[in-house]
Each structure stands twice: as C-alpha cells, then as structure tokens.
Amino acid sequence: MTKISNTKLKARALRKTNPVLKETILAARKNSAWNAVAKALSSSTKSYSAKNLGEIDKETKAGDTVIIIGKVLSDGELSKKLRICALSASEKAQQKIKSQKSELVSILEEITKNPKAEGVKIFK
C-alpha cells in the first residue's frame, strides 16, 4: 500500500461532509499505526465495503478486534465474542452483535482506546 502524506490526508478529511468521519480521519492520521485506516476512510465512499456478520465470523477468531471500513450487515450469525469497529451497522446486525455479547464501537473510539493499533484486523 502506498503511503499518503499527512498533509494530503488532512486535505482529504476536510473535504468530507460527515463531521464524525472527518474527526475519525484526523485522529487516525496523527498516529502512523492507524495510517492504513486513515487512507481508506479518506478515499471515495464508493470504496467502502459492506460486510455481513457471516463473513466476519469466518475470517476471525474469538476475542479479535475487527475494523470494518464501511457498514456491518446482518446476514449470517456470529458464533464468537468479537469487538467490531465500523462506520455503521444495520439495526438487525446491532441486535445480533449484542445477543452474542460482542461489542460494536465506532472506529474513532477504537483509535482513542488503542493508539498503537495492537491486535486489530482491518477489513476493506
């Protein structure tokens, strides 16, 4: 993955109209460990993905922290406890995540809680 300068990331972030997304990109660009997330979030929203719970479940193991650059959808089931960080999630997906005693948080919250990005898997 090619590196984008902090100046360019800041310029991309300031063009965004969603204030939460803007704040998330600016927080991510301050720490080099979160550069990949800042780059993905600052790109076009067409490049964001939607991940189903079934896909997330197949590609993770219990206790993982997962970053979804996009939206979490409810198709499939979770069979393990995870910490899911995403821009958004459907209502059904939120209910399924809570019923599995997993955690759904914003990406910004994860950046502030885990500044070194330890143990994080990024799904694009």
N, C-alpha and C. Protein backbone atom coordinates (compact mmCIF):
# COMPACT_ATOMS: atom_id res chain seq x y z
N MET A 1 0.84 -1.17 0.00
CA MET A 1 0.00 0.00 0.00
C MET A 1 0.89 1.24 0.00
N THR A 2 0.53 2.18 -0.85
CA THR A 2 1.32 3.40 -0.93
C THR A 2 0.97 4.34 0.22
N LYS A 3 1.96 5.04 0.68
CA LYS A 3 1.76 5.96 1.80
C LYS A 3 1.32 7.32 1.26
N ILE A 4 0.38 7.91 1.98
CA ILE A 4 -0.09 9.24 1.64
C ILE A 4 0.41 10.19 2.72
N SER A 5 0.85 11.36 2.32
CA SER A 5 1.38 12.32 3.29
C SER A 5 0.28 12.80 4.23
N ASN A 6 0.69 13.23 5.41
CA ASN A 6 -0.26 13.75 6.40
C ASN A 6 -1.00 14.97 5.87
N THR A 7 -0.32 15.78 5.07
CA THR A 7 -0.95 16.98 4.50
C THR A 7 -2.08 16.59 3.57
N LYS A 8 -1.84 15.59 2.74
CA LYS A 8 -2.86 15.14 1.80
C LYS A 8 -4.03 14.49 2.54
N LEU A 9 -3.73 13.71 3.60
CA LEU A 9 -4.79 13.10 4.40
C LEU A 9 -5.66 14.18 5.05
N LYS A 10 -5.02 15.21 5.55
CA LYS A 10 -5.77 16.30 6.18
C LYS A 10 -6.67 17.00 5.16
N ALA A 11 -6.15 17.24 3.98
CA ALA A 11 -6.93 17.89 2.92
C ALA A 11 -8.12 17.02 2.53
N ARG A 12 -7.90 15.71 2.41
CA ARG A 12 -9.00 14.79 2.09
C ARG A 12 -10.05 14.79 3.19
N ALA A 13 -9.60 14.80 4.43
CA ALA A 13 -10.52 14.78 5.57
C ALA A 13 -11.39 16.03 5.60
N LEU A 14 -10.79 17.17 5.32
CA LEU A 14 -11.53 18.42 5.37
C LEU A 14 -12.58 18.54 4.27
N ARG A 15 -12.44 17.76 3.21
CA ARG A 15 -13.45 17.75 2.14
C ARG A 15 -14.67 16.93 2.50
N LYS A 16 -14.55 16.05 3.48
CA LYS A 16 -15.68 15.20 3.88
C LYS A 16 -16.75 16.06 4.55
N THR A 17 -18.02 15.69 4.34
CA THR A 17 -19.12 16.46 4.92
C THR A 17 -19.63 15.86 6.23
N ASN A 18 -19.34 14.59 6.48
CA ASN A 18 -19.76 13.93 7.72
C ASN A 18 -18.79 14.32 8.83
N PRO A 19 -19.25 15.04 9.85
CA PRO A 19 -18.33 15.51 10.90
C PRO A 19 -17.67 14.38 11.69
N VAL A 20 -18.37 13.27 11.89
CA VAL A 20 -17.79 12.14 12.62
C VAL A 20 -16.68 11.50 11.79
N LEU A 21 -16.92 11.35 10.51
CA LEU A 21 -15.92 10.78 9.61
C LEU A 21 -14.69 11.69 9.55
N LYS A 22 -14.91 12.98 9.48
CA LYS A 22 -13.83 13.97 9.46
C LYS A 22 -12.96 13.82 10.71
N GLU A 23 -13.60 13.77 11.85
CA GLU A 23 -12.89 13.65 13.13
C GLU A 23 -12.11 12.33 13.22
N THR A 24 -12.71 11.25 12.70
CA THR A 24 -12.06 9.94 12.72
C THR A 24 -10.81 9.94 11.87
N ILE A 25 -10.89 10.51 10.67
CA ILE A 25 -9.71 10.57 9.79
C ILE A 25 -8.61 11.40 10.41
N LEU A 26 -8.97 12.54 10.98
CA LEU A 26 -7.96 13.41 11.59
C LEU A 26 -7.30 12.74 12.79
N ALA A 27 -8.06 11.96 13.56
CA ALA A 27 -7.49 11.23 14.70
C ALA A 27 -6.58 10.11 14.21
N ALA A 28 -6.99 9.42 13.15
CA ALA A 28 -6.20 8.30 12.62
C ALA A 28 -4.89 8.77 12.00
N ARG A 29 -4.89 9.94 11.39
CA ARG A 29 -3.67 10.41 10.72
C ARG A 29 -2.59 10.85 11.70
N LYS A 30 -2.97 11.09 12.95
CA LYS A 30 -2.00 11.52 13.96
C LYS A 30 -1.08 10.40 14.41
N ASN A 31 -1.47 9.17 14.14
CA ASN A 31 -0.70 8.01 14.60
C ASN A 31 -0.37 7.12 13.40
N SER A 32 0.89 6.84 13.17
CA SER A 32 1.30 6.07 11.99
C SER A 32 0.73 4.65 11.99
N ALA A 33 0.41 4.11 13.15
CA ALA A 33 -0.17 2.76 13.22
C ALA A 33 -1.56 2.73 12.58
N TRP A 34 -2.24 3.85 12.57
CA TRP A 34 -3.60 3.94 12.01
C TRP A 34 -3.61 4.54 10.61
N ASN A 35 -2.44 4.68 9.96
CA ASN A 35 -2.36 5.30 8.64
C ASN A 35 -3.19 4.57 7.59
N ALA A 36 -3.21 3.25 7.62
CA ALA A 36 -3.98 2.49 6.63
C ALA A 36 -5.47 2.79 6.76
N VAL A 37 -5.94 2.94 7.99
CA VAL A 37 -7.35 3.25 8.22
C VAL A 37 -7.64 4.67 7.75
N ALA A 38 -6.76 5.61 8.05
CA ALA A 38 -6.94 7.00 7.62
C ALA A 38 -7.01 7.09 6.10
N LYS A 39 -6.12 6.35 5.44
CA LYS A 39 -6.10 6.35 3.97
C LYS A 39 -7.41 5.78 3.41
N ALA A 40 -7.86 4.67 3.97
CA ALA A 40 -9.09 4.04 3.48
C ALA A 40 -10.31 4.92 3.72
N LEU A 41 -10.38 5.54 4.88
CA LEU A 41 -11.52 6.40 5.20
C LEU A 41 -11.53 7.69 4.40
N SER A 42 -10.35 8.19 4.04
CA SER A 42 -10.28 9.45 3.31
C SER A 42 -10.53 9.27 1.81
N SER A 43 -10.54 8.03 1.35
CA SER A 43 -10.80 7.79 -0.07
C SER A 43 -12.30 7.93 -0.36
N SER A 44 -12.66 7.69 -1.57
CA SER A 44 -14.05 7.81 -2.00
C SER A 44 -14.96 6.86 -1.22
N THR A 45 -16.17 7.30 -0.92
CA THR A 45 -17.10 6.43 -0.20
C THR A 45 -17.51 5.23 -1.04
N LYS A 46 -17.30 5.29 -2.34
CA LYS A 46 -17.58 4.13 -3.20
C LYS A 46 -16.65 2.96 -2.87
N SER A 47 -15.49 3.28 -2.30
CA SER A 47 -14.53 2.22 -1.97
C SER A 47 -14.83 1.56 -0.63
N TYR A 48 -15.78 2.10 0.13
CA TYR A 48 -16.17 1.49 1.40
C TYR A 48 -16.88 0.18 1.11
N SER A 49 -16.79 -0.76 2.03
CA SER A 49 -17.43 -2.04 1.79
C SER A 49 -18.51 -2.32 2.84
N ALA A 50 -19.34 -3.28 2.53
CA ALA A 50 -20.34 -3.75 3.47
C ALA A 50 -19.99 -5.20 3.77
N LYS A 51 -19.85 -5.54 5.03
CA LYS A 51 -19.51 -6.90 5.44
C LYS A 51 -20.67 -7.51 6.22
N ASN A 52 -20.99 -8.74 5.88
CA ASN A 52 -22.03 -9.47 6.61
C ASN A 52 -21.41 -10.13 7.83
N LEU A 53 -22.24 -10.35 8.85
CA LEU A 53 -21.75 -10.98 10.08
C LEU A 53 -21.18 -12.37 9.79
N GLY A 54 -21.76 -13.10 8.85
CA GLY A 54 -21.26 -14.43 8.48
C GLY A 54 -19.84 -14.37 7.95
N GLU A 55 -19.55 -13.37 7.10
CA GLU A 55 -18.20 -13.19 6.55
C GLU A 55 -17.21 -12.86 7.67
N ILE A 56 -17.62 -11.96 8.55
CA ILE A 56 -16.76 -11.56 9.67
C ILE A 56 -16.46 -12.77 10.55
N ASP A 57 -17.48 -13.58 10.82
CA ASP A 57 -17.32 -14.76 11.67
C ASP A 57 -16.33 -15.76 11.08
N LYS A 58 -16.39 -15.97 9.75
CA LYS A 58 -15.49 -16.93 9.08
C LYS A 58 -14.03 -16.50 9.15
N GLU A 59 -13.77 -15.20 9.09
CA GLU A 59 -12.40 -14.69 8.97
C GLU A 59 -11.77 -14.28 10.28
N THR A 60 -12.43 -14.55 11.41
CA THR A 60 -11.90 -14.12 12.71
C THR A 60 -11.89 -15.28 13.69
N LYS A 61 -11.20 -15.04 14.81
CA LYS A 61 -11.26 -15.98 15.92
C LYS A 61 -11.74 -15.24 17.16
N ALA A 62 -12.13 -15.95 18.18
CA ALA A 62 -12.70 -15.34 19.38
C ALA A 62 -11.75 -14.33 20.00
N GLY A 63 -12.29 -13.19 20.39
CA GLY A 63 -11.51 -12.16 21.05
C GLY A 63 -10.85 -11.16 20.11
N ASP A 64 -11.01 -11.33 18.80
CA ASP A 64 -10.39 -10.41 17.84
C ASP A 64 -11.06 -9.03 17.88
N THR A 65 -10.30 -8.03 17.48
CA THR A 65 -10.83 -6.69 17.25
C THR A 65 -10.78 -6.46 15.74
N VAL A 66 -11.93 -6.15 15.16
CA VAL A 66 -12.07 -6.04 13.72
C VAL A 66 -12.48 -4.63 13.34
N ILE A 67 -11.79 -4.05 12.35
CA ILE A 67 -12.14 -2.73 11.82
C ILE A 67 -12.80 -2.96 10.46
N ILE A 68 -14.02 -2.47 10.31
CA ILE A 68 -14.75 -2.56 9.05
C ILE A 68 -14.78 -1.16 8.44
N ILE A 69 -14.18 -1.02 7.27
CA ILE A 69 -14.22 0.27 6.57
C ILE A 69 -15.53 0.28 5.77
N GLY A 70 -16.59 0.62 6.45
CA GLY A 70 -17.90 0.62 5.82
C GLY A 70 -18.97 0.23 6.82
N LYS A 71 -19.91 -0.61 6.37
CA LYS A 71 -21.08 -0.95 7.17
C LYS A 71 -21.14 -2.44 7.48
N VAL A 72 -21.66 -2.78 8.66
CA VAL A 72 -21.87 -4.17 9.05
C VAL A 72 -23.33 -4.51 8.76
N LEU A 73 -23.52 -5.62 8.03
CA LEU A 73 -24.87 -6.08 7.69
C LEU A 73 -25.20 -7.35 8.44
N SER A 74 -26.48 -7.71 8.51
CA SER A 74 -26.93 -8.75 9.43
C SER A 74 -26.96 -10.17 8.85
N ASP A 75 -26.61 -10.38 7.60
CA ASP A 75 -26.69 -11.72 7.02
C ASP A 75 -25.67 -12.65 7.68
N GLY A 76 -26.12 -13.79 8.16
CA GLY A 76 -25.24 -14.73 8.84
C GLY A 76 -25.33 -14.56 10.34
N GLU A 77 -24.56 -15.36 11.05
CA GLU A 77 -24.57 -15.33 12.52
C GLU A 77 -23.15 -15.22 13.03
N LEU A 78 -23.02 -14.66 14.23
CA LEU A 78 -21.75 -14.65 14.94
C LEU A 78 -21.74 -15.84 15.89
N SER A 79 -20.63 -16.55 15.94
CA SER A 79 -20.54 -17.70 16.83
C SER A 79 -19.50 -17.48 17.93
N LYS A 80 -18.91 -16.30 17.95
CA LYS A 80 -17.88 -16.00 18.95
C LYS A 80 -17.96 -14.54 19.37
N LYS A 81 -17.31 -14.24 20.47
CA LYS A 81 -17.31 -12.88 21.01
C LYS A 81 -16.22 -12.07 20.31
N LEU A 82 -16.61 -10.94 19.70
CA LEU A 82 -15.69 -10.08 18.98
C LEU A 82 -15.89 -8.63 19.39
N ARG A 83 -14.92 -7.81 19.05
CA ARG A 83 -15.06 -6.36 19.18
C ARG A 83 -15.05 -5.83 17.75
N ILE A 84 -16.18 -5.30 17.31
CA ILE A 84 -16.33 -4.84 15.93
C ILE A 84 -16.37 -3.32 15.92
N CYS A 85 -15.49 -2.74 15.11
CA CYS A 85 -15.42 -1.28 14.96
C CYS A 85 -15.79 -0.97 13.52
N ALA A 86 -16.82 -0.15 13.33
CA ALA A 86 -17.28 0.15 11.98
C ALA A 86 -17.84 1.56 11.91
N LEU A 87 -18.02 2.04 10.69
CA LEU A 87 -18.64 3.34 10.50
C LEU A 87 -20.11 3.28 10.86
N SER A 88 -20.77 2.17 10.51
CA SER A 88 -22.18 2.00 10.84
C SER A 88 -22.54 0.52 10.80
N ALA A 89 -23.75 0.21 11.29
CA ALA A 89 -24.25 -1.16 11.28
C ALA A 89 -25.77 -1.10 11.16
N SER A 90 -26.34 -2.09 10.48
CA SER A 90 -27.79 -2.14 10.37
C SER A 90 -28.37 -2.47 11.74
N GLU A 91 -29.65 -2.18 11.92
CA GLU A 91 -30.29 -2.44 13.22
C GLU A 91 -30.26 -3.92 13.57
N LYS A 92 -30.55 -4.78 12.58
CA LYS A 92 -30.54 -6.23 12.82
C LYS A 92 -29.13 -6.70 13.21
N ALA A 93 -28.13 -6.15 12.55
CA ALA A 93 -26.74 -6.52 12.87
C ALA A 93 -26.40 -6.11 14.30
N GLN A 94 -26.84 -4.93 14.71
CA GLN A 94 -26.59 -4.47 16.07
C GLN A 94 -27.23 -5.41 17.08
N GLN A 95 -28.45 -5.86 16.81
CA GLN A 95 -29.14 -6.79 17.71
C GLN A 95 -28.41 -8.12 17.79
N LYS A 96 -27.96 -8.64 16.65
CA LYS A 96 -27.25 -9.92 16.64
C LYS A 96 -25.91 -9.81 17.38
N ILE A 97 -25.24 -8.69 17.23
CA ILE A 97 -23.95 -8.49 17.91
C ILE A 97 -24.17 -8.45 19.41
N LYS A 98 -25.19 -7.74 19.86
CA LYS A 98 -25.49 -7.65 21.29
C LYS A 98 -25.90 -9.00 21.85
N SER A 99 -26.69 -9.78 21.09
CA SER A 99 -27.15 -11.08 21.58
C SER A 99 -25.98 -12.06 21.75
N GLN A 100 -24.90 -11.87 21.01
CA GLN A 100 -23.72 -12.73 21.11
C GLN A 100 -22.74 -12.20 22.16
N LYS A 101 -23.14 -11.11 22.84
CA LYS A 101 -22.30 -10.46 23.84
C LYS A 101 -21.00 -9.91 23.25
N SER A 102 -21.05 -9.61 21.96
CA SER A 102 -19.93 -8.94 21.30
C SER A 102 -20.13 -7.45 21.46
N GLU A 103 -19.13 -6.70 21.02
CA GLU A 103 -19.14 -5.26 21.22
C GLU A 103 -19.06 -4.56 19.86
N LEU A 104 -19.90 -3.55 19.66
CA LEU A 104 -19.88 -2.73 18.46
C LEU A 104 -19.54 -1.30 18.87
N VAL A 105 -18.41 -0.79 18.37
CA VAL A 105 -17.97 0.57 18.71
C VAL A 105 -17.59 1.32 17.44
N SER A 106 -17.46 2.62 17.55
CA SER A 106 -17.04 3.43 16.41
C SER A 106 -15.53 3.27 16.22
N ILE A 107 -15.08 3.55 15.02
CA ILE A 107 -13.65 3.48 14.73
C ILE A 107 -12.90 4.53 15.54
N LEU A 108 -13.50 5.70 15.70
CA LEU A 108 -12.87 6.78 16.48
C LEU A 108 -12.64 6.35 17.92
N GLU A 109 -13.60 5.65 18.49
CA GLU A 109 -13.46 5.17 19.87
C GLU A 109 -12.30 4.18 19.98
N GLU A 110 -12.14 3.32 18.98
CA GLU A 110 -11.05 2.34 19.00
C GLU A 110 -9.70 3.04 18.84
N ILE A 111 -9.64 4.07 18.01
CA ILE A 111 -8.38 4.81 17.82
C ILE A 111 -7.94 5.45 19.13
N THR A 112 -8.88 6.03 19.87
CA THR A 112 -8.51 6.67 21.13
C THR A 112 -8.17 5.64 22.21
N LYS A 113 -8.84 4.50 22.19
CA LYS A 113 -8.61 3.47 23.20
C LYS A 113 -7.34 2.65 22.93
N ASN A 114 -7.03 2.44 21.66
CA ASN A 114 -5.91 1.60 21.26
C ASN A 114 -5.00 2.37 20.29
N PRO A 115 -4.22 3.34 20.76
CA PRO A 115 -3.44 4.18 19.86
C PRO A 115 -2.36 3.43 19.06
N LYS A 116 -1.91 2.29 19.55
CA LYS A 116 -0.87 1.54 18.83
C LYS A 116 -1.45 0.53 17.86
N ALA A 117 -2.77 0.43 17.76
CA ALA A 117 -3.47 -0.48 16.85
C ALA A 117 -3.03 -1.93 17.07
N GLU A 118 -2.89 -2.31 18.32
CA GLU A 118 -2.46 -3.68 18.63
C GLU A 118 -3.61 -4.66 18.51
N GLY A 119 -3.38 -5.77 17.80
CA GLY A 119 -4.36 -6.83 17.69
C GLY A 119 -5.57 -6.46 16.84
N VAL A 120 -5.38 -5.59 15.89
CA VAL A 120 -6.51 -5.12 15.07
C VAL A 120 -6.43 -5.72 13.67
N LYS A 121 -7.56 -6.25 13.18
CA LYS A 121 -7.66 -6.73 11.81
C LYS A 121 -8.51 -5.75 11.03
N ILE A 122 -8.01 -5.32 9.87
CA ILE A 122 -8.73 -4.35 9.05
C ILE A 122 -9.36 -5.07 7.87
N PHE A 123 -10.68 -4.91 7.72
CA PHE A 123 -11.42 -5.47 6.57
C PHE A 123 -11.83 -4.32 5.69
N LYS A 124 -11.47 -4.41 4.41
CA LYS A 124 -11.85 -3.36 3.46
C LYS A 124 -12.88 -3.89 2.50
